[in-house]
Amino acid sequence: MQEPARPSAGVNLIPLSEAARLSGYSMGHLRHLIVKGLLMGWKLGRNYVTTQEALRDYQNSKPRPGRKRTEAS
């Protein structure tokens, strides 16, 4: 899997601790999503970072768990 391009200057990066607080996911889960390529993010030194936009895109694109509702006749 190819690593995403490095973030350009001016991109508002947030550490995974902040992303975890905003999303309700654990830092470990977010790191797993980045490594698997499901969430855009980067490893800078020993820390992983992402953007609020990438986090929002992931949350909006994933299917919701649970039974799917059907139309009652």
PDB file of N, CA and C in Angstrom:
ATOM      1  N   MET A   1       0.850  -1.178   0.000  1.00  0.00           N
ATOM      2  CA  MET A   1       0.000   0.000   0.000  1.00  0.00           C
ATOM      3  C   MET A   1       0.891   1.235   0.000  1.00  0.00           C
ATOM      4  N   GLN A   2       0.547   2.212  -0.795  1.00  0.00           N
ATOM      5  CA  GLN A   2       1.357   3.405  -0.949  1.00  0.00           C
ATOM      6  C   GLN A   2       0.997   4.447   0.112  1.00  0.00           C
ATOM      7  N   GLU A   3       2.017   5.080   0.667  1.00  0.00           N
ATOM      8  CA  GLU A   3       1.816   6.118   1.682  1.00  0.00           C
ATOM      9  C   GLU A   3       1.270   7.372   1.005  1.00  0.00           C
ATOM     10  N   PRO A   4       0.314   8.070   1.658  1.00  0.00           N
ATOM     11  CA  PRO A   4      -0.193   9.299   1.059  1.00  0.00           C
ATOM     12  C   PRO A   4       0.905  10.350   0.966  1.00  0.00           C
ATOM     13  N   ALA A   5       0.759  11.262   0.016  1.00  0.00           N
ATOM     14  CA  ALA A   5       1.738  12.332  -0.156  1.00  0.00           C
ATOM     15  C   ALA A   5       1.884  13.119   1.133  1.00  0.00           C
ATOM     16  N   ARG A   6       3.065  13.630   1.371  1.00  0.00           N
ATOM     17  CA  ARG A   6       3.318  14.428   2.571  1.00  0.00           C
ATOM     18  C   ARG A   6       2.395  15.641   2.581  1.00  0.00           C
ATOM     19  N   PRO A   7       1.936  16.038   3.759  1.00  0.00           N
ATOM     20  CA  PRO A   7       1.055  17.208   3.835  1.00  0.00           C
ATOM     21  C   PRO A   7       1.801  18.471   3.446  1.00  0.00           C
ATOM     22  N   SER A   8       1.108  19.357   2.775  1.00  0.00           N
ATOM     23  CA  SER A   8       1.733  20.617   2.372  1.00  0.00           C
ATOM     24  C   SER A   8       1.678  21.602   3.530  1.00  0.00           C
ATOM     25  N   ALA A   9       2.493  22.608   3.445  1.00  0.00           N
ATOM     26  CA  ALA A   9       2.489  23.650   4.474  1.00  0.00           C
ATOM     27  C   ALA A   9       1.121  24.317   4.483  1.00  0.00           C
ATOM     28  N   GLY A  10       0.624  24.636   5.638  1.00  0.00           N
ATOM     29  CA  GLY A  10      -0.677  25.265   5.746  1.00  0.00           C
ATOM     30  C   GLY A  10      -1.797  24.285   6.037  1.00  0.00           C
ATOM     31  N   VAL A  11      -1.523  22.970   5.933  1.00  0.00           N
ATOM     32  CA  VAL A  11      -2.527  21.972   6.278  1.00  0.00           C
ATOM     33  C   VAL A  11      -2.561  21.872   7.795  1.00  0.00           C
ATOM     34  N   ASN A  12      -3.755  21.906   8.368  1.00  0.00           N
ATOM     35  CA  ASN A  12      -3.907  21.884   9.815  1.00  0.00           C
ATOM     36  C   ASN A  12      -3.882  20.450  10.326  1.00  0.00           C
ATOM     37  N   LEU A  13      -2.694  19.990  10.731  1.00  0.00           N
ATOM     38  CA  LEU A  13      -2.538  18.636  11.239  1.00  0.00           C
ATOM     39  C   LEU A  13      -2.919  18.576  12.705  1.00  0.00           C
ATOM     40  N   ILE A  14      -3.547  17.460  13.092  1.00  0.00           N
ATOM     41  CA  ILE A  14      -3.883  17.252  14.495  1.00  0.00           C
ATOM     42  C   ILE A  14      -3.293  15.923  14.943  1.00  0.00           C
ATOM     43  N   PRO A  15      -2.787  15.845  16.171  1.00  0.00           N
ATOM     44  CA  PRO A  15      -2.271  14.571  16.668  1.00  0.00           C
ATOM     45  C   PRO A  15      -3.414  13.591  16.898  1.00  0.00           C
ATOM     46  N   LEU A  16      -3.095  12.316  16.975  1.00  0.00           N
ATOM     47  CA  LEU A  16      -4.141  11.317  17.167  1.00  0.00           C
ATOM     48  C   LEU A  16      -4.855  11.476  18.505  1.00  0.00           C
ATOM     49  N   SER A  17      -4.187  12.050  19.498  1.00  0.00           N
ATOM     50  CA  SER A  17      -4.874  12.278  20.777  1.00  0.00           C
ATOM     51  C   SER A  17      -6.052  13.227  20.583  1.00  0.00           C
ATOM     52  N   GLU A  18      -5.860  14.256  19.787  1.00  0.00           N
ATOM     53  CA  GLU A  18      -6.940  15.205  19.477  1.00  0.00           C
ATOM     54  C   GLU A  18      -8.009  14.539  18.608  1.00  0.00           C
ATOM     55  N   ALA A  19      -7.560  13.760  17.599  1.00  0.00           N
ATOM     56  CA  ALA A  19      -8.506  13.067  16.725  1.00  0.00           C
ATOM     57  C   ALA A  19      -9.347  12.073  17.520  1.00  0.00           C
ATOM     58  N   ALA A  20      -8.737  11.414  18.498  1.00  0.00           N
ATOM     59  CA  ALA A  20      -9.477  10.467  19.340  1.00  0.00           C
ATOM     60  C   ALA A  20     -10.528  11.200  20.169  1.00  0.00           C
ATOM     61  N   ARG A  21     -10.168  12.344  20.699  1.00  0.00           N
ATOM     62  CA  ARG A  21     -11.112  13.130  21.492  1.00  0.00           C
ATOM     63  C   ARG A  21     -12.284  13.597  20.635  1.00  0.00           C
ATOM     64  N   LEU A  22     -12.006  14.005  19.410  1.00  0.00           N
ATOM     65  CA  LEU A  22     -13.054  14.507  18.518  1.00  0.00           C
ATOM     66  C   LEU A  22     -13.972  13.401  17.999  1.00  0.00           C
ATOM     67  N   SER A  23     -13.402  12.219  17.757  1.00  0.00           N
ATOM     68  CA  SER A  23     -14.163  11.165  17.082  1.00  0.00           C
ATOM     69  C   SER A  23     -14.763  10.121  18.010  1.00  0.00           C
ATOM     70  N   GLY A  24     -14.169   9.938  19.173  1.00  0.00           N
ATOM     71  CA  GLY A  24     -14.618   8.875  20.059  1.00  0.00           C
ATOM     72  C   GLY A  24     -13.912   7.549  19.805  1.00  0.00           C
ATOM     73  N   TYR A  25     -13.064   7.478  18.782  1.00  0.00           N
ATOM     74  CA  TYR A  25     -12.246   6.294  18.527  1.00  0.00           C
ATOM     75  C   TYR A  25     -11.000   6.360  19.397  1.00  0.00           C
ATOM     76  N   SER A  26     -10.411   5.209  19.689  1.00  0.00           N
ATOM     77  CA  SER A  26      -9.163   5.204  20.454  1.00  0.00           C
ATOM     78  C   SER A  26      -8.003   5.583  19.545  1.00  0.00           C
ATOM     79  N   MET A  27      -6.906   6.028  20.149  1.00  0.00           N
ATOM     80  CA  MET A  27      -5.716   6.364  19.373  1.00  0.00           C
ATOM     81  C   MET A  27      -5.194   5.133  18.638  1.00  0.00           C
ATOM     82  N   GLY A  28      -5.250   3.980  19.284  1.00  0.00           N
ATOM     83  CA  GLY A  28      -4.785   2.749  18.650  1.00  0.00           C
ATOM     84  C   GLY A  28      -5.600   2.399  17.419  1.00  0.00           C
ATOM     85  N   HIS A  29      -6.918   2.601  17.497  1.00  0.00           N
ATOM     86  CA  HIS A  29      -7.777   2.311  16.346  1.00  0.00           C
ATOM     87  C   HIS A  29      -7.487   3.284  15.207  1.00  0.00           C
ATOM     88  N   LEU A  30      -7.310   4.545  15.522  1.00  0.00           N
ATOM     89  CA  LEU A  30      -7.001   5.533  14.489  1.00  0.00           C
ATOM     90  C   LEU A  30      -5.658   5.218  13.830  1.00  0.00           C
ATOM     91  N   ARG A  31      -4.668   4.827  14.621  1.00  0.00           N
ATOM     92  CA  ARG A  31      -3.358   4.454  14.077  1.00  0.00           C
ATOM     93  C   ARG A  31      -3.516   3.248  13.138  1.00  0.00           C
ATOM     94  N   HIS A  32      -4.318   2.272  13.538  1.00  0.00           N
ATOM     95  CA  HIS A  32      -4.587   1.100  12.706  1.00  0.00           C
ATOM     96  C   HIS A  32      -5.224   1.525  11.370  1.00  0.00           C
ATOM     97  N   LEU A  33      -6.183   2.446  11.418  1.00  0.00           N
ATOM     98  CA  LEU A  33      -6.836   2.921  10.194  1.00  0.00           C
ATOM     99  C   LEU A  33      -5.837   3.609   9.267  1.00  0.00           C
ATOM    100  N   ILE A  34      -4.920   4.376   9.831  1.00  0.00           N
ATOM    101  CA  ILE A  34      -3.898   5.057   9.018  1.00  0.00           C
ATOM    102  C   ILE A  34      -2.971   4.029   8.375  1.00  0.00           C
ATOM    103  N   VAL A  35      -2.502   3.056   9.159  1.00  0.00           N
ATOM    104  CA  VAL A  35      -1.586   2.035   8.644  1.00  0.00           C
ATOM    105  C   VAL A  35      -2.253   1.222   7.541  1.00  0.00           C
ATOM    106  N   LYS A  36      -3.549   0.921   7.683  1.00  0.00           N
ATOM    107  CA  LYS A  36      -4.284   0.153   6.681  1.00  0.00           C
ATOM    108  C   LYS A  36      -4.701   1.000   5.477  1.00  0.00           C
ATOM    109  N   GLY A  37      -4.519   2.312   5.547  1.00  0.00           N
ATOM    110  CA  GLY A  37      -4.868   3.188   4.435  1.00  0.00           C
ATOM    111  C   GLY A  37      -6.331   3.586   4.395  1.00  0.00           C
ATOM    112  N   LEU A  38      -7.057   3.357   5.487  1.00  0.00           N
ATOM    113  CA  LEU A  38      -8.479   3.704   5.530  1.00  0.00           C
ATOM    114  C   LEU A  38      -8.716   5.139   5.994  1.00  0.00           C
ATOM    115  N   LEU A  39      -7.748   5.705   6.672  1.00  0.00           N
ATOM    116  CA  LEU A  39      -7.807   7.094   7.139  1.00  0.00           C
ATOM    117  C   LEU A  39      -6.517   7.762   6.702  1.00  0.00           C
ATOM    118  N   MET A  40      -6.619   8.920   6.036  1.00  0.00           N
ATOM    119  CA  MET A  40      -5.421   9.610   5.610  1.00  0.00           C
ATOM    120  C   MET A  40      -4.701  10.168   6.832  1.00  0.00           C
ATOM    121  N   GLY A  41      -3.441   9.872   6.924  1.00  0.00           N
ATOM    122  CA  GLY A  41      -2.636  10.363   8.023  1.00  0.00           C
ATOM    123  C   GLY A  41      -1.178  10.069   7.748  1.00  0.00           C
ATOM    124  N   TRP A  42      -0.316  10.590   8.599  1.00  0.00           N
ATOM    125  CA  TRP A  42       1.116  10.468   8.390  1.00  0.00           C
ATOM    126  C   TRP A  42       1.808  10.192   9.713  1.00  0.00           C
ATOM    127  N   LYS A  43       2.963   9.549   9.622  1.00  0.00           N
ATOM    128  CA  LYS A  43       3.813   9.356  10.787  1.00  0.00           C
ATOM    129  C   LYS A  43       4.905  10.414  10.700  1.00  0.00           C
ATOM    130  N   LEU A  44       4.923  11.300  11.653  1.00  0.00           N
ATOM    131  CA  LEU A  44       5.932  12.349  11.713  1.00  0.00           C
ATOM    132  C   LEU A  44       6.789  12.071  12.943  1.00  0.00           C
ATOM    133  N   GLY A  45       8.007  11.621  12.710  1.00  0.00           N
ATOM    134  CA  GLY A  45       8.849  11.207  13.826  1.00  0.00           C
ATOM    135  C   GLY A  45       8.276   9.934  14.420  1.00  0.00           C
ATOM    136  N   ARG A  46       7.925   9.984  15.695  1.00  0.00           N
ATOM    137  CA  ARG A  46       7.330   8.797  16.327  1.00  0.00           C
ATOM    138  C   ARG A  46       5.825   8.929  16.507  1.00  0.00           C
ATOM    139  N   ASN A  47       5.254  10.028  16.070  1.00  0.00           N
ATOM    140  CA  ASN A  47       3.826  10.293  16.261  1.00  0.00           C
ATOM    141  C   ASN A  47       3.066  10.266  14.941  1.00  0.00           C
ATOM    142  N   TYR A  48       1.824   9.863  15.023  1.00  0.00           N
ATOM    143  CA  TYR A  48       0.930   9.900  13.866  1.00  0.00           C
ATOM    144  C   TYR A  48       0.063  11.145  13.943  1.00  0.00           C
ATOM    145  N   VAL A  49      -0.244  11.704  12.782  1.00  0.00           N
ATOM    146  CA  VAL A  49      -1.104  12.878  12.692  1.00  0.00           C
ATOM    147  C   VAL A  49      -2.105  12.661  11.560  1.00  0.00           C
ATOM    148  N   THR A  50      -3.192  13.390  11.616  1.00  0.00           N
ATOM    149  CA  THR A  50      -4.202  13.383  10.562  1.00  0.00           C
ATOM    150  C   THR A  50      -4.775  14.793  10.490  1.00  0.00           C
ATOM    151  N   THR A  51      -5.837  14.964   9.739  1.00  0.00           N
ATOM    152  CA  THR A  51      -6.513  16.260   9.677  1.00  0.00           C
ATOM    153  C   THR A  51      -7.968  16.069  10.089  1.00  0.00           C
ATOM    154  N   GLN A  52      -8.595  17.150  10.506  1.00  0.00           N
ATOM    155  CA  GLN A  52     -10.017  17.070  10.854  1.00  0.00           C
ATOM    156  C   GLN A  52     -10.831  16.698   9.621  1.00  0.00           C
ATOM    157  N   GLU A  53     -10.424  17.187   8.471  1.00  0.00           N
ATOM    158  CA  GLU A  53     -11.135  16.877   7.227  1.00  0.00           C
ATOM    159  C   GLU A  53     -11.043  15.384   6.904  1.00  0.00           C
ATOM    160  N   ALA A  54      -9.864  14.790   7.053  1.00  0.00           N
ATOM    161  CA  ALA A  54      -9.702  13.354   6.791  1.00  0.00           C
ATOM    162  C   ALA A  54     -10.534  12.536   7.765  1.00  0.00           C
ATOM    163  N   LEU A  55     -10.567  12.960   9.018  1.00  0.00           N
ATOM    164  CA  LEU A  55     -11.362  12.269  10.033  1.00  0.00           C
ATOM    165  C   LEU A  55     -12.846  12.351   9.690  1.00  0.00           C
ATOM    166  N   ARG A  56     -13.302  13.524   9.285  1.00  0.00           N
ATOM    167  CA  ARG A  56     -14.707  13.730   8.910  1.00  0.00           C
ATOM    168  C   ARG A  56     -15.057  12.889   7.672  1.00  0.00           C
ATOM    169  N   ASP A  57     -14.150  12.852   6.690  1.00  0.00           N
ATOM    170  CA  ASP A  57     -14.383  12.052   5.482  1.00  0.00           C
ATOM    171  C   ASP A  57     -14.515  10.570   5.835  1.00  0.00           C
ATOM    172  N   TYR A  58     -13.656  10.074   6.722  1.00  0.00           N
ATOM    173  CA  TYR A  58     -13.735   8.670   7.124  1.00  0.00           C
ATOM    174  C   TYR A  58     -15.063   8.391   7.823  1.00  0.00           C
ATOM    175  N   GLN A  59     -15.446   9.247   8.752  1.00  0.00           N
ATOM    176  CA  GLN A  59     -16.680   9.030   9.497  1.00  0.00           C
ATOM    177  C   GLN A  59     -17.899   9.061   8.582  1.00  0.00           C
ATOM    178  N   ASN A  60     -17.886   9.894   7.558  1.00  0.00           N
ATOM    179  CA  ASN A  60     -19.025   9.994   6.641  1.00  0.00           C
ATOM    180  C   ASN A  60     -19.056   8.873   5.612  1.00  0.00           C
ATOM    181  N   SER A  61     -17.931   8.205   5.375  1.00  0.00           N
ATOM    182  CA  SER A  61     -17.883   7.184   4.326  1.00  0.00           C
ATOM    183  C   SER A  61     -18.096   5.772   4.843  1.00  0.00           C
ATOM    184  N   LYS A  62     -17.938   5.550   6.129  1.00  0.00           N
ATOM    185  CA  LYS A  62     -18.034   4.172   6.622  1.00  0.00           C
ATOM    186  C   LYS A  62     -19.484   3.781   6.846  1.00  0.00           C
ATOM    187  N   PRO A  63     -19.815   2.509   6.602  1.00  0.00           N
ATOM    188  CA  PRO A  63     -21.188   2.057   6.844  1.00  0.00           C
ATOM    189  C   PRO A  63     -21.506   2.042   8.338  1.00  0.00           C
ATOM    190  N   ARG A  64     -22.722   2.309   8.672  1.00  0.00           N
ATOM    191  CA  ARG A  64     -23.155   2.310  10.066  1.00  0.00           C
ATOM    192  C   ARG A  64     -23.405   0.878  10.526  1.00  0.00           C
ATOM    193  N   PRO A  65     -22.978   0.522  11.740  1.00  0.00           N
ATOM    194  CA  PRO A  65     -23.217  -0.836  12.236  1.00  0.00           C
ATOM    195  C   PRO A  65     -24.687  -1.042  12.592  1.00  0.00           C
ATOM    196  N   GLY A  66     -25.072  -2.293  12.695  1.00  0.00           N
ATOM    197  CA  GLY A  66     -26.431  -2.609  13.120  1.00  0.00           C
ATOM    198  C   GLY A  66     -27.324  -3.042  11.978  1.00  0.00           C
ATOM    199  N   ARG A  67     -28.530  -3.446  12.343  1.00  0.00           N
ATOM    200  CA  ARG A  67     -29.501  -3.885  11.357  1.00  0.00           C
ATOM    201  C   ARG A  67     -29.934  -2.736  10.470  1.00  0.00           C
ATOM    202  N   LYS A  68     -30.120  -3.034   9.223  1.00  0.00           N
ATOM    203  CA  LYS A  68     -30.592  -2.015   8.282  1.00  0.00           C
ATOM    204  C   LYS A  68     -32.108  -1.962   8.325  1.00  0.00           C
ATOM    205  N   ARG A  69     -32.639  -0.775   8.364  1.00  0.00           N
ATOM    206  CA  ARG A  69     -34.097  -0.607   8.399  1.00  0.00           C
ATOM    207  C   ARG A  69     -34.669  -0.833   7.016  1.00  0.00           C
ATOM    208  N   THR A  70     -35.840  -1.433   6.984  1.00  0.00           N
ATOM    209  CA  THR A  70     -36.536  -1.634   5.715  1.00  0.00           C
ATOM    210  C   THR A  70     -37.870  -0.904   5.789  1.00  0.00           C
ATOM    211  N   GLU A  71     -38.379  -0.560   4.636  1.00  0.00           N
ATOM    212  CA  GLU A  71     -39.659   0.134   4.562  1.00  0.00           C
ATOM    213  C   GLU A  71     -40.789  -0.842   4.914  1.00  0.00           C
ATOM    214  N   ALA A  72     -41.651  -0.447   5.812  1.00  0.00           N
ATOM    215  CA  ALA A  72     -42.822  -1.276   6.163  1.00  0.00           C
ATOM    216  C   ALA A  72     -43.904  -1.064   5.120  1.00  0.00           C
ATOM    217  N   SER A  73     -44.550  -2.133   4.690  1.00  0.00           N
ATOM    218  CA  SER A  73     -45.597  -2.020   3.669  1.00  0.00           C
ATOM    219  C   SER A  73     -46.902  -1.563   4.249  1.00  0.00           C
TER     220      SER A  73
END
